[in-house]
Amino acid sequence: MAQPELTCSVKVSYLDEQSQPSASVFAFAYTITIVNSGDVTSQLIARHWVITDAEGHADEVRGLAVVGHQPLLKPGERFEYTSWTRIATPQGTMRGTYFCMTEDAHPFDAPVPEFMLARPEQLH
C-alpha cells in the first residue's frame, strides 16, 4: 500500500535588526524544506508549532497553511518557505507538526523535529 511521508529540515538564523535584547525580544528566521519522501501525492493543510523559551514559557501557534500556501507535493517534490518568530530569551526551541492529507483524503501528520533558536554568541 502507498505510504505518505513528508520529511522536514530546518535552517535557523538570528534576526539582529528585529531583536531588542534590552526589552527581552529575540527574533529568529527559520527556513523549512518539506520533501515528499513517500510514494503518494500529499498536501500540507495546517500547522501546529510549540515555541519554548529558555525559561520554559511555551507558546502554541496553530493555523491553516504556511505563509499563505497549502502546497500539493508529488513524490520527490519539495516546498521551501521562510517564516520567523520572537521569544523572550536569547535561546529556545521550536517543534511542530504539519497536518497533511493524501490526494485520496487520508489524513496524516508530518512532524518537524525540535530545533534550537539561539543567538550565535549563545552557542559558544
PDB file of N, CA and C in Angstrom:
ATOM      1  N   MET A   1       0.841  -1.188   0.000  1.00  0.00           N
ATOM      2  CA  MET A   1       0.000   0.000   0.000  1.00  0.00           C
ATOM      3  C   MET A   1       0.883   1.247   0.000  1.00  0.00           C
ATOM      4  N   ALA A   2       0.485   2.269  -0.709  1.00  0.00           N
ATOM      5  CA  ALA A   2       1.238   3.523  -0.787  1.00  0.00           C
ATOM      6  C   ALA A   2       1.280   4.193   0.581  1.00  0.00           C
ATOM      7  N   GLN A   3       2.459   4.709   0.923  1.00  0.00           N
ATOM      8  CA  GLN A   3       2.649   5.356   2.222  1.00  0.00           C
ATOM      9  C   GLN A   3       2.957   6.837   2.040  1.00  0.00           C
ATOM     10  N   PRO A   4       2.180   7.698   2.733  1.00  0.00           N
ATOM     11  CA  PRO A   4       2.506   9.123   2.684  1.00  0.00           C
ATOM     12  C   PRO A   4       3.626   9.438   3.671  1.00  0.00           C
ATOM     13  N   GLU A   5       4.525  10.322   3.280  1.00  0.00           N
ATOM     14  CA  GLU A   5       5.553  10.771   4.208  1.00  0.00           C
ATOM     15  C   GLU A   5       6.146  12.081   3.700  1.00  0.00           C
ATOM     16  N   LEU A   6       6.125  13.085   4.565  1.00  0.00           N
ATOM     17  CA  LEU A   6       6.797  14.344   4.284  1.00  0.00           C
ATOM     18  C   LEU A   6       7.951  14.472   5.266  1.00  0.00           C
ATOM     19  N   THR A   7       9.137  14.772   4.758  1.00  0.00           N
ATOM     20  CA  THR A   7      10.326  14.932   5.588  1.00  0.00           C
ATOM     21  C   THR A   7      10.665  16.416   5.650  1.00  0.00           C
ATOM     22  N   CYS A   8      10.947  16.907   6.854  1.00  0.00           N
ATOM     23  CA  CYS A   8      11.177  18.331   7.053  1.00  0.00           C
ATOM     24  C   CYS A   8      12.580  18.582   7.594  1.00  0.00           C
ATOM     25  N   SER A   9      13.248  19.597   7.035  1.00  0.00           N
ATOM     26  CA  SER A   9      14.526  20.043   7.574  1.00  0.00           C
ATOM     27  C   SER A   9      14.458  21.549   7.796  1.00  0.00           C
ATOM     28  N   VAL A  10      15.296  22.047   8.712  1.00  0.00           N
ATOM     29  CA  VAL A  10      15.193  23.436   9.164  1.00  0.00           C
ATOM     30  C   VAL A  10      16.566  24.101   9.199  1.00  0.00           C
ATOM     31  N   LYS A  11      16.606  25.370   8.791  1.00  0.00           N
ATOM     32  CA  LYS A  11      17.776  26.229   8.996  1.00  0.00           C
ATOM     33  C   LYS A  11      17.293  27.459   9.735  1.00  0.00           C
ATOM     34  N   VAL A  12      18.034  27.877  10.768  1.00  0.00           N
ATOM     35  CA  VAL A  12      17.637  28.999  11.615  1.00  0.00           C
ATOM     36  C   VAL A  12      18.675  30.105  11.521  1.00  0.00           C
ATOM     37  N   SER A  13      18.226  31.348  11.542  1.00  0.00           N
ATOM     38  CA  SER A  13      19.152  32.477  11.661  1.00  0.00           C
ATOM     39  C   SER A  13      18.579  33.513  12.626  1.00  0.00           C
ATOM     40  N   TYR A  14      19.477  34.138  13.362  1.00  0.00           N
ATOM     41  CA  TYR A  14      19.107  35.175  14.320  1.00  0.00           C
ATOM     42  C   TYR A  14      18.892  36.481  13.569  1.00  0.00           C
ATOM     43  N   LEU A  15      17.810  37.187  13.882  1.00  0.00           N
ATOM     44  CA  LEU A  15      17.497  38.444  13.224  1.00  0.00           C
ATOM     45  C   LEU A  15      17.880  39.599  14.139  1.00  0.00           C
ATOM     46  N   ASP A  16      19.126  40.015  14.036  1.00  0.00           N
ATOM     47  CA  ASP A  16      19.654  41.068  14.898  1.00  0.00           C
ATOM     48  C   ASP A  16      18.834  42.356  14.780  1.00  0.00           C
ATOM     49  N   GLU A  17      18.485  42.738  13.546  1.00  0.00           N
ATOM     50  CA  GLU A  17      17.785  44.005  13.324  1.00  0.00           C
ATOM     51  C   GLU A  17      16.345  43.988  13.828  1.00  0.00           C
ATOM     52  N   GLN A  18      15.773  42.801  14.045  1.00  0.00           N
ATOM     53  CA  GLN A  18      14.400  42.685  14.550  1.00  0.00           C
ATOM     54  C   GLN A  18      14.361  42.427  16.054  1.00  0.00           C
ATOM     55  N   SER A  19      15.529  42.289  16.665  1.00  0.00           N
ATOM     56  CA  SER A  19      15.618  41.941  18.081  1.00  0.00           C
ATOM     57  C   SER A  19      15.907  43.178  18.926  1.00  0.00           C
ATOM     58  N   GLN A  20      15.468  43.120  20.175  1.00  0.00           N
ATOM     59  CA  GLN A  20      15.740  44.168  21.150  1.00  0.00           C
ATOM     60  C   GLN A  20      16.107  43.488  22.471  1.00  0.00           C
ATOM     61  N   PRO A  21      17.369  43.046  22.604  1.00  0.00           N
ATOM     62  CA  PRO A  21      17.756  42.314  23.812  1.00  0.00           C
ATOM     63  C   PRO A  21      17.434  43.066  25.111  1.00  0.00           C
ATOM     64  N   SER A  22      17.554  44.395  25.110  1.00  0.00           N
ATOM     65  CA  SER A  22      17.261  45.162  26.326  1.00  0.00           C
ATOM     66  C   SER A  22      15.788  45.072  26.718  1.00  0.00           C
ATOM     67  N   ALA A  23      14.932  44.728  25.754  1.00  0.00           N
ATOM     68  CA  ALA A  23      13.498  44.568  26.013  1.00  0.00           C
ATOM     69  C   ALA A  23      13.086  43.089  26.005  1.00  0.00           C
ATOM     70  N   SER A  24      14.065  42.194  26.079  1.00  0.00           N
ATOM     71  CA  SER A  24      13.808  40.743  26.057  1.00  0.00           C
ATOM     72  C   SER A  24      13.024  40.316  24.820  1.00  0.00           C
ATOM     73  N   VAL A  25      13.454  40.818  23.671  1.00  0.00           N
ATOM     74  CA  VAL A  25      12.856  40.416  22.398  1.00  0.00           C
ATOM     75  C   VAL A  25      13.977  39.894  21.508  1.00  0.00           C
ATOM     76  N   PHE A  26      13.882  38.604  21.166  1.00  0.00           N
ATOM     77  CA  PHE A  26      14.884  37.941  20.334  1.00  0.00           C
ATOM     78  C   PHE A  26      14.148  37.321  19.151  1.00  0.00           C
ATOM     79  N   ALA A  27      14.515  37.748  17.948  1.00  0.00           N
ATOM     80  CA  ALA A  27      13.799  37.314  16.748  1.00  0.00           C
ATOM     81  C   ALA A  27      14.663  36.340  15.938  1.00  0.00           C
ATOM     82  N   PHE A  28      14.000  35.350  15.383  1.00  0.00           N
ATOM     83  CA  PHE A  28      14.674  34.316  14.603  1.00  0.00           C
ATOM     84  C   PHE A  28      13.882  34.025  13.334  1.00  0.00           C
ATOM     85  N   ALA A  29      14.609  33.865  12.232  1.00  0.00           N
ATOM     86  CA  ALA A  29      14.008  33.381  10.990  1.00  0.00           C
ATOM     87  C   ALA A  29      14.293  31.884  10.905  1.00  0.00           C
ATOM     88  N   TYR A  30      13.343  31.151  10.345  1.00  0.00           N
ATOM     89  CA  TYR A  30      13.582  29.726  10.103  1.00  0.00           C
ATOM     90  C   TYR A  30      13.091  29.385   8.710  1.00  0.00           C
ATOM     91  N   THR A  31      13.925  28.646   8.009  1.00  0.00           N
ATOM     92  CA  THR A  31      13.583  28.185   6.665  1.00  0.00           C
ATOM     93  C   THR A  31      13.337  26.690   6.735  1.00  0.00           C
ATOM     94  N   ILE A  32      12.151  26.295   6.337  1.00  0.00           N
ATOM     95  CA  ILE A  32      11.748  24.887   6.367  1.00  0.00           C
ATOM     96  C   ILE A  32      11.733  24.350   4.940  1.00  0.00           C
ATOM     97  N   THR A  33      12.368  23.214   4.750  1.00  0.00           N
ATOM     98  CA  THR A  33      12.284  22.494   3.482  1.00  0.00           C
ATOM     99  C   THR A  33      11.478  21.226   3.731  1.00  0.00           C
ATOM    100  N   ILE A  34      10.396  21.090   2.989  1.00  0.00           N
ATOM    101  CA  ILE A  34       9.498  19.937   3.103  1.00  0.00           C
ATOM    102  C   ILE A  34       9.646  19.114   1.830  1.00  0.00           C
ATOM    103  N   VAL A  35       9.993  17.847   1.983  1.00  0.00           N
ATOM    104  CA  VAL A  35      10.163  16.961   0.836  1.00  0.00           C
ATOM    105  C   VAL A  35       9.155  15.826   0.951  1.00  0.00           C
ATOM    106  N   ASN A  36       8.454  15.555  -0.155  1.00  0.00           N
ATOM    107  CA  ASN A  36       7.570  14.390  -0.178  1.00  0.00           C
ATOM    108  C   ASN A  36       8.450  13.164  -0.401  1.00  0.00           C
ATOM    109  N   SER A  37       8.792  12.501   0.696  1.00  0.00           N
ATOM    110  CA  SER A  37       9.654  11.320   0.632  1.00  0.00           C
ATOM    111  C   SER A  37       8.836  10.027   0.609  1.00  0.00           C
ATOM    112  N   GLY A  38       7.519  10.168   0.526  1.00  0.00           N
ATOM    113  CA  GLY A  38       6.656   8.997   0.411  1.00  0.00           C
ATOM    114  C   GLY A  38       6.386   8.679  -1.052  1.00  0.00           C
ATOM    115  N   ASP A  39       5.383   7.848  -1.269  1.00  0.00           N
ATOM    116  CA  ASP A  39       5.077   7.444  -2.644  1.00  0.00           C
ATOM    117  C   ASP A  39       3.643   7.782  -3.037  1.00  0.00           C
ATOM    118  N   VAL A  40       3.085   8.824  -2.400  1.00  0.00           N
ATOM    119  CA  VAL A  40       1.738   9.271  -2.733  1.00  0.00           C
ATOM    120  C   VAL A  40       1.702  10.802  -2.674  1.00  0.00           C
ATOM    121  N   THR A  41       1.004  11.420  -3.626  1.00  0.00           N
ATOM    122  CA  THR A  41       0.856  12.875  -3.631  1.00  0.00           C
ATOM    123  C   THR A  41       0.139  13.316  -2.362  1.00  0.00           C
ATOM    124  N   SER A  42       0.678  14.356  -1.707  1.00  0.00           N
ATOM    125  CA  SER A  42       0.151  14.805  -0.418  1.00  0.00           C
ATOM    126  C   SER A  42       0.103  16.320  -0.363  1.00  0.00           C
ATOM    127  N   GLN A  43      -0.831  16.832   0.430  1.00  0.00           N
ATOM    128  CA  GLN A  43      -0.981  18.275   0.576  1.00  0.00           C
ATOM    129  C   GLN A  43      -0.852  18.676   2.033  1.00  0.00           C
ATOM    130  N   LEU A  44      -0.074  19.734   2.263  1.00  0.00           N
ATOM    131  CA  LEU A  44       0.041  20.313   3.595  1.00  0.00           C
ATOM    132  C   LEU A  44      -1.169  21.222   3.802  1.00  0.00           C
ATOM    133  N   ILE A  45      -1.907  20.981   4.882  1.00  0.00           N
ATOM    134  CA  ILE A  45      -3.149  21.719   5.129  1.00  0.00           C
ATOM    135  C   ILE A  45      -2.983  22.754   6.238  1.00  0.00           C
ATOM    136  N   ALA A  46      -2.362  22.339   7.345  1.00  0.00           N
ATOM    137  CA  ALA A  46      -2.294  23.207   8.526  1.00  0.00           C
ATOM    138  C   ALA A  46      -1.015  22.941   9.300  1.00  0.00           C
ATOM    139  N   ARG A  47      -0.724  23.845  10.264  1.00  0.00           N
ATOM    140  CA  ARG A  47       0.486  23.726  11.065  1.00  0.00           C
ATOM    141  C   ARG A  47       0.155  23.886  12.543  1.00  0.00           C
ATOM    142  N   HIS A  48       1.000  23.304  13.362  1.00  0.00           N
ATOM    143  CA  HIS A  48       0.937  23.465  14.819  1.00  0.00           C
ATOM    144  C   HIS A  48       2.364  23.560  15.324  1.00  0.00           C
ATOM    145  N   TRP A  49       2.711  24.689  15.944  1.00  0.00           N
ATOM    146  CA  TRP A  49       4.049  24.903  16.489  1.00  0.00           C
ATOM    147  C   TRP A  49       3.983  25.036  17.989  1.00  0.00           C
ATOM    148  N   VAL A  50       5.028  24.540  18.662  1.00  0.00           N
ATOM    149  CA  VAL A  50       5.249  24.801  20.081  1.00  0.00           C
ATOM    150  C   VAL A  50       6.603  25.505  20.165  1.00  0.00           C
ATOM    151  N   ILE A  51       6.566  26.757  20.624  1.00  0.00           N
ATOM    152  CA  ILE A  51       7.759  27.601  20.698  1.00  0.00           C
ATOM    153  C   ILE A  51       8.043  27.836  22.180  1.00  0.00           C
ATOM    154  N   THR A  52       9.223  27.396  22.633  1.00  0.00           N
ATOM    155  CA  THR A  52       9.547  27.434  24.065  1.00  0.00           C
ATOM    156  C   THR A  52      10.812  28.247  24.284  1.00  0.00           C
ATOM    157  N   ASP A  53      10.752  29.198  25.238  1.00  0.00           N
ATOM    158  CA  ASP A  53      11.958  29.970  25.537  1.00  0.00           C
ATOM    159  C   ASP A  53      12.772  29.264  26.629  1.00  0.00           C
ATOM    160  N   ALA A  54      13.918  29.840  26.968  1.00  0.00           N
ATOM    161  CA  ALA A  54      14.836  29.197  27.915  1.00  0.00           C
ATOM    162  C   ALA A  54      14.281  29.134  29.336  1.00  0.00           C
ATOM    163  N   GLU A  55      13.236  29.900  29.611  1.00  0.00           N
ATOM    164  CA  GLU A  55      12.613  29.866  30.940  1.00  0.00           C
ATOM    165  C   GLU A  55      11.439  28.898  30.989  1.00  0.00           C
ATOM    166  N   GLY A  56      11.208  28.185  29.892  1.00  0.00           N
ATOM    167  CA  GLY A  56      10.151  27.185  29.862  1.00  0.00           C
ATOM    168  C   GLY A  56       8.792  27.714  29.445  1.00  0.00           C
ATOM    169  N   HIS A  57       8.701  28.997  29.119  1.00  0.00           N
ATOM    170  CA  HIS A  57       7.437  29.561  28.642  1.00  0.00           C
ATOM    171  C   HIS A  57       7.178  29.080  27.218  1.00  0.00           C
ATOM    172  N   ALA A  58       6.036  28.445  27.016  1.00  0.00           N
ATOM    173  CA  ALA A  58       5.721  27.883  25.696  1.00  0.00           C
ATOM    174  C   ALA A  58       4.517  28.589  25.087  1.00  0.00           C
ATOM    175  N   ASP A  59       4.633  28.900  23.798  1.00  0.00           N
ATOM    176  CA  ASP A  59       3.514  29.421  23.017  1.00  0.00           C
ATOM    177  C   ASP A  59       3.163  28.388  21.966  1.00  0.00           C
ATOM    178  N   GLU A  60       1.861  28.202  21.758  1.00  0.00           N
ATOM    179  CA  GLU A  60       1.411  27.307  20.697  1.00  0.00           C
ATOM    180  C   GLU A  60       0.801  28.142  19.583  1.00  0.00           C
ATOM    181  N   VAL A  61       1.148  27.810  18.362  1.00  0.00           N
ATOM    182  CA  VAL A  61       0.630  28.514  17.192  1.00  0.00           C
ATOM    183  C   VAL A  61      -0.009  27.468  16.286  1.00  0.00           C
ATOM    184  N   ARG A  62      -1.268  27.692  15.947  1.00  0.00           N
ATOM    185  CA  ARG A  62      -1.986  26.795  15.040  1.00  0.00           C
ATOM    186  C   ARG A  62      -2.583  27.623  13.916  1.00  0.00           C
ATOM    187  N   GLY A  63      -2.656  27.040  12.745  1.00  0.00           N
ATOM    188  CA  GLY A  63      -3.296  27.761  11.653  1.00  0.00           C
ATOM    189  C   GLY A  63      -3.278  26.975  10.369  1.00  0.00           C
ATOM    190  N   LEU A  64      -4.107  27.427   9.441  1.00  0.00           N
ATOM    191  CA  LEU A  64      -4.143  26.830   8.122  1.00  0.00           C
ATOM    192  C   LEU A  64      -2.962  27.318   7.314  1.00  0.00           C
ATOM    193  N   ALA A  65      -2.431  26.463   6.497  1.00  0.00           N
ATOM    194  CA  ALA A  65      -1.392  26.799   5.514  1.00  0.00           C
ATOM    195  C   ALA A  65      -0.069  27.207   6.172  1.00  0.00           C
ATOM    196  N   VAL A  66       0.933  27.439   5.340  1.00  0.00           N
ATOM    197  CA  VAL A  66       2.222  28.003   5.746  1.00  0.00           C
ATOM    198  C   VAL A  66       2.497  29.153   4.788  1.00  0.00           C
ATOM    199  N   VAL A  67       2.790  30.309   5.328  1.00  0.00           N
ATOM    200  CA  VAL A  67       2.986  31.546   4.550  1.00  0.00           C
ATOM    201  C   VAL A  67       1.980  31.672   3.393  1.00  0.00           C
ATOM    202  N   GLY A  68       0.722  31.383   3.693  1.00  0.00           N
ATOM    203  CA  GLY A  68      -0.335  31.538   2.703  1.00  0.00           C
ATOM    204  C   GLY A  68      -0.457  30.432   1.668  1.00  0.00           C
ATOM    205  N   HIS A  69       0.297  29.348   1.843  1.00  0.00           N
ATOM    206  CA  HIS A  69       0.281  28.257   0.858  1.00  0.00           C
ATOM    207  C   HIS A  69      -0.129  26.940   1.507  1.00  0.00           C
ATOM    208  N   GLN A  70      -0.810  26.122   0.729  1.00  0.00           N
ATOM    209  CA  GLN A  70      -1.099  24.735   1.097  1.00  0.00           C
ATOM    210  C   GLN A  70      -0.522  23.869  -0.027  1.00  0.00           C
ATOM    211  N   PRO A  71       0.802  23.698  -0.020  1.00  0.00           N
ATOM    212  CA  PRO A  71       1.450  23.046  -1.161  1.00  0.00           C
ATOM    213  C   PRO A  71       1.011  21.596  -1.370  1.00  0.00           C
ATOM    214  N   LEU A  72       0.805  21.260  -2.628  1.00  0.00           N
ATOM    215  CA  LEU A  72       0.494  19.896  -3.055  1.00  0.00           C
ATOM    216  C   LEU A  72       1.776  19.326  -3.649  1.00  0.00           C
ATOM    217  N   LEU A  73       2.297  18.282  -3.011  1.00  0.00           N
ATOM    218  CA  LEU A  73       3.601  17.743  -3.402  1.00  0.00           C
ATOM    219  C   LEU A  73       3.481  16.319  -3.920  1.00  0.00           C
ATOM    220  N   LYS A  74       3.930  16.125  -5.150  1.00  0.00           N
ATOM    221  CA  LYS A  74       4.021  14.778  -5.699  1.00  0.00           C
ATOM    222  C   LYS A  74       5.255  14.109  -5.099  1.00  0.00           C
ATOM    223  N   PRO A  75       5.343  12.780  -5.142  1.00  0.00           N
ATOM    224  CA  PRO A  75       6.535  12.106  -4.618  1.00  0.00           C
ATOM    225  C   PRO A  75       7.811  12.714  -5.199  1.00  0.00           C
ATOM    226  N   GLY A  76       8.757  13.036  -4.313  1.00  0.00           N
ATOM    227  CA  GLY A  76      10.026  13.614  -4.728  1.00  0.00           C
ATOM    228  C   GLY A  76      10.036  15.134  -4.807  1.00  0.00           C
ATOM    229  N   GLU A  77       8.874  15.767  -4.818  1.00  0.00           N
ATOM    230  CA  GLU A  77       8.827  17.227  -4.897  1.00  0.00           C
ATOM    231  C   GLU A  77       9.101  17.850  -3.529  1.00  0.00           C
ATOM    232  N   ARG A  78       9.537  19.134  -3.568  1.00  0.00           N
ATOM    233  CA  ARG A  78       9.835  19.841  -2.327  1.00  0.00           C
ATOM    234  C   ARG A  78       9.204  21.219  -2.333  1.00  0.00           C
ATOM    235  N   PHE A  79       9.004  21.749  -1.130  1.00  0.00           N
ATOM    236  CA  PHE A  79       8.496  23.105  -0.939  1.00  0.00           C
ATOM    237  C   PHE A  79       9.324  23.723   0.175  1.00  0.00           C
ATOM    238  N   GLU A  80       9.777  24.961  -0.057  1.00  0.00           N
ATOM    239  CA  GLU A  80      10.594  25.628   0.949  1.00  0.00           C
ATOM    240  C   GLU A  80       9.985  26.984   1.254  1.00  0.00           C
ATOM    241  N   TYR A  81       9.976  27.343   2.540  1.00  0.00           N
ATOM    242  CA  TYR A  81       9.484  28.667   2.914  1.00  0.00           C
ATOM    243  C   TYR A  81      10.254  29.164   4.120  1.00  0.00           C
ATOM    244  N   THR A  82      10.215  30.487   4.297  1.00  0.00           N
ATOM    245  CA  THR A  82      10.859  31.111   5.447  1.00  0.00           C
ATOM    246  C   THR A  82       9.812  31.893   6.231  1.00  0.00           C
ATOM    247  N   SER A  83       9.861  31.733   7.536  1.00  0.00           N
ATOM    248  CA  SER A  83       8.999  32.495   8.432  1.00  0.00           C
ATOM    249  C   SER A  83       9.851  32.951   9.608  1.00  0.00           C
ATOM    250  N   TRP A  84       9.228  33.497  10.631  1.00  0.00           N
ATOM    251  CA  TRP A  84      10.016  33.980  11.759  1.00  0.00           C
ATOM    252  C   TRP A  84       9.193  33.916  13.039  1.00  0.00           C
ATOM    253  N   THR A  85       9.891  34.050  14.156  1.00  0.00           N
ATOM    254  CA  THR A  85       9.236  34.060  15.460  1.00  0.00           C
ATOM    255  C   THR A  85      10.065  34.917  16.412  1.00  0.00           C
ATOM    256  N   ARG A  86       9.445  35.281  17.531  1.00  0.00           N
ATOM    257  CA  ARG A  86      10.152  36.015  18.590  1.00  0.00           C
ATOM    258  C   ARG A  86       9.966  35.277  19.899  1.00  0.00           C
ATOM    259  N   ILE A  87      11.024  35.288  20.716  1.00  0.00           N
ATOM    260  CA  ILE A  87      10.950  34.741  22.065  1.00  0.00           C
ATOM    261  C   ILE A  87      11.578  35.753  23.022  1.00  0.00           C
ATOM    262  N   ALA A  88      11.410  35.523  24.337  1.00  0.00           N
ATOM    263  CA  ALA A  88      11.860  36.483  25.353  1.00  0.00           C
ATOM    264  C   ALA A  88      13.254  36.192  25.886  1.00  0.00           C
ATOM    265  N   THR A  89      13.901  35.137  25.405  1.00  0.00           N
ATOM    266  CA  THR A  89      15.235  34.778  25.879  1.00  0.00           C
ATOM    267  C   THR A  89      16.159  34.586  24.677  1.00  0.00           C
ATOM    268  N   PRO A  90      17.500  34.664  24.879  1.00  0.00           N
ATOM    269  CA  PRO A  90      18.418  34.546  23.741  1.00  0.00           C
ATOM    270  C   PRO A  90      18.437  33.171  23.091  1.00  0.00           C
ATOM    271  N   GLN A  91      17.850  32.188  23.756  1.00  0.00           N
ATOM    272  CA  GLN A  91      17.736  30.879  23.121  1.00  0.00           C
ATOM    273  C   GLN A  91      16.456  30.198  23.544  1.00  0.00           C
ATOM    274  N   GLY A  92      16.053  29.239  22.730  1.00  0.00           N
ATOM    275  CA  GLY A  92      14.834  28.485  22.974  1.00  0.00           C
ATOM    276  C   GLY A  92      14.746  27.368  21.949  1.00  0.00           C
ATOM    277  N   THR A  93      13.572  26.771  21.854  1.00  0.00           N
ATOM    278  CA  THR A  93      13.374  25.681  20.901  1.00  0.00           C
ATOM    279  C   THR A  93      12.024  25.834  20.199  1.00  0.00           C
ATOM    280  N   MET A  94      11.922  25.178  19.072  1.00  0.00           N
ATOM    281  CA  MET A  94      10.655  25.057  18.341  1.00  0.00           C
ATOM    282  C   MET A  94      10.500  23.615  17.888  1.00  0.00           C
ATOM    283  N   ARG A  95       9.273  23.155  17.882  1.00  0.00           N
ATOM    284  CA  ARG A  95       8.951  21.860  17.286  1.00  0.00           C
ATOM    285  C   ARG A  95       7.541  21.984  16.738  1.00  0.00           C
ATOM    286  N   GLY A  96       7.202  21.113  15.826  1.00  0.00           N
ATOM    287  CA  GLY A  96       5.881  21.259  15.242  1.00  0.00           C
ATOM    288  C   GLY A  96       5.390  20.043  14.510  1.00  0.00           C
ATOM    289  N   THR A  97       4.197  20.218  13.974  1.00  0.00           N
ATOM    290  CA  THR A  97       3.546  19.171  13.193  1.00  0.00           C
ATOM    291  C   THR A  97       2.778  19.833  12.064  1.00  0.00           C
ATOM    292  N   TYR A  98       2.895  19.262  10.885  1.00  0.00           N
ATOM    293  CA  TYR A  98       2.046  19.671   9.776  1.00  0.00           C
ATOM    294  C   TYR A  98       0.933  18.640   9.642  1.00  0.00           C
ATOM    295  N   PHE A  99      -0.300  19.123   9.565  1.00  0.00           N
ATOM    296  CA  PHE A  99      -1.433  18.253   9.279  1.00  0.00           C
ATOM    297  C   PHE A  99      -1.541  18.173   7.761  1.00  0.00           C
ATOM    298  N   CYS A 100      -1.527  16.960   7.246  1.00  0.00           N
ATOM    299  CA  CYS A 100      -1.492  16.752   5.798  1.00  0.00           C
ATOM    300  C   CYS A 100      -2.601  15.793   5.376  1.00  0.00           C
ATOM    301  N   MET A 101      -2.833  15.768   4.075  1.00  0.00           N
ATOM    302  CA  MET A 101      -3.862  14.911   3.510  1.00  0.00           C
ATOM    303  C   MET A 101      -3.330  14.318   2.212  1.00  0.00           C
ATOM    304  N   THR A 102      -3.542  13.017   2.028  1.00  0.00           N
ATOM    305  CA  THR A 102      -3.181  12.410   0.751  1.00  0.00           C
ATOM    306  C   THR A 102      -4.228  12.819  -0.286  1.00  0.00           C
ATOM    307  N   GLU A 103      -3.896  12.629  -1.557  1.00  0.00           N
ATOM    308  CA  GLU A 103      -4.833  13.043  -2.605  1.00  0.00           C
ATOM    309  C   GLU A 103      -6.134  12.244  -2.571  1.00  0.00           C
ATOM    310  N   ASP A 104      -6.133  11.083  -1.899  1.00  0.00           N
ATOM    311  CA  ASP A 104      -7.388  10.340  -1.744  1.00  0.00           C
ATOM    312  C   ASP A 104      -7.975  10.524  -0.344  1.00  0.00           C
ATOM    313  N   ALA A 105      -7.633  11.665   0.291  1.00  0.00           N
ATOM    314  CA  ALA A 105      -8.263  12.151   1.527  1.00  0.00           C
ATOM    315  C   ALA A 105      -7.968  11.328   2.779  1.00  0.00           C
ATOM    316  N   HIS A 106      -6.766  10.766   2.882  1.00  0.00           N
ATOM    317  CA  HIS A 106      -6.341  10.122   4.118  1.00  0.00           C
ATOM    318  C   HIS A 106      -5.462  11.103   4.891  1.00  0.00           C
ATOM    319  N   PRO A 107      -5.864  11.472   6.122  1.00  0.00           N
ATOM    320  CA  PRO A 107      -5.072  12.429   6.893  1.00  0.00           C
ATOM    321  C   PRO A 107      -3.837  11.777   7.508  1.00  0.00           C
ATOM    322  N   PHE A 108      -2.772  12.575   7.646  1.00  0.00           N
ATOM    323  CA  PHE A 108      -1.587  12.123   8.369  1.00  0.00           C
ATOM    324  C   PHE A 108      -0.832  13.333   8.873  1.00  0.00           C
ATOM    325  N   ASP A 109       0.022  13.121   9.861  1.00  0.00           N
ATOM    326  CA  ASP A 109       0.839  14.187  10.420  1.00  0.00           C
ATOM    327  C   ASP A 109       2.278  14.039   9.951  1.00  0.00           C
ATOM    328  N   ALA A 110       2.908  15.174   9.680  1.00  0.00           N
ATOM    329  CA  ALA A 110       4.332  15.212   9.344  1.00  0.00           C
ATOM    330  C   ALA A 110       5.031  15.994  10.451  1.00  0.00           C
ATOM    331  N   PRO A 111       5.810  15.322  11.303  1.00  0.00           N
ATOM    332  CA  PRO A 111       6.456  16.023  12.410  1.00  0.00           C
ATOM    333  C   PRO A 111       7.646  16.854  11.956  1.00  0.00           C
ATOM    334  N   VAL A 112       7.859  17.973  12.640  1.00  0.00           N
ATOM    335  CA  VAL A 112       9.075  18.765  12.472  1.00  0.00           C
ATOM    336  C   VAL A 112       9.841  18.584  13.775  1.00  0.00           C
ATOM    337  N   PRO A 113      10.962  17.862  13.755  1.00  0.00           N
ATOM    338  CA  PRO A 113      11.709  17.609  14.985  1.00  0.00           C
ATOM    339  C   PRO A 113      12.127  18.919  15.649  1.00  0.00           C
ATOM    340  N   GLU A 114      12.270  18.875  16.966  1.00  0.00           N
ATOM    341  CA  GLU A 114      12.659  20.063  17.713  1.00  0.00           C
ATOM    342  C   GLU A 114      13.969  20.634  17.193  1.00  0.00           C
ATOM    343  N   PHE A 115      14.016  21.955  17.071  1.00  0.00           N
ATOM    344  CA  PHE A 115      15.246  22.623  16.656  1.00  0.00           C
ATOM    345  C   PHE A 115      15.505  23.810  17.563  1.00  0.00           C
ATOM    346  N   MET A 116      16.778  24.225  17.599  1.00  0.00           N
ATOM    347  CA  MET A 116      17.242  25.266  18.508  1.00  0.00           C
ATOM    348  C   MET A 116      17.105  26.649  17.892  1.00  0.00           C
ATOM    349  N   LEU A 117      16.629  27.583  18.703  1.00  0.00           N
ATOM    350  CA  LEU A 117      16.666  29.006  18.384  1.00  0.00           C
ATOM    351  C   LEU A 117      17.730  29.581  19.299  1.00  0.00           C
ATOM    352  N   ALA A 118      18.795  30.177  18.750  1.00  0.00           N
ATOM    353  CA  ALA A 118      19.855  30.694  19.620  1.00  0.00           C
ATOM    354  C   ALA A 118      20.621  31.804  18.916  1.00  0.00           C
ATOM    355  N   ARG A 119      20.897  32.856  19.668  1.00  0.00           N
ATOM    356  CA  ARG A 119      21.814  33.886  19.170  1.00  0.00           C
ATOM    357  C   ARG A 119      23.176  33.234  18.971  1.00  0.00           C
ATOM    358  N   PRO A 120      23.914  33.634  17.951  1.00  0.00           N
ATOM    359  CA  PRO A 120      25.211  32.998  17.674  1.00  0.00           C
ATOM    360  C   PRO A 120      26.132  32.941  18.891  1.00  0.00           C
ATOM    361  N   GLU A 121      26.170  34.021  19.684  1.00  0.00           N
ATOM    362  CA  GLU A 121      27.069  34.019  20.841  1.00  0.00           C
ATOM    363  C   GLU A 121      26.600  33.076  21.947  1.00  0.00           C
ATOM    364  N   GLN A 122      25.361  32.615  21.901  1.00  0.00           N
ATOM    365  CA  GLN A 122      24.859  31.666  22.907  1.00  0.00           C
ATOM    366  C   GLN A 122      25.378  30.261  22.643  1.00  0.00           C
ATOM    367  N   LEU A 123      25.893  30.022  21.455  1.00  0.00           N
ATOM    368  CA  LEU A 123      26.326  28.672  21.088  1.00  0.00           C
ATOM    369  C   LEU A 123      27.771  28.378  21.481  1.00  0.00           C
ATOM    370  N   HIS A 124      28.476  29.365  22.046  1.00  0.00           N
ATOM    371  CA  HIS A 124      29.893  29.170  22.382  1.00  0.00           C
ATOM    372  C   HIS A 124      30.105  29.017  23.866  1.00  0.00           C
TER     373      HIS A 124
END
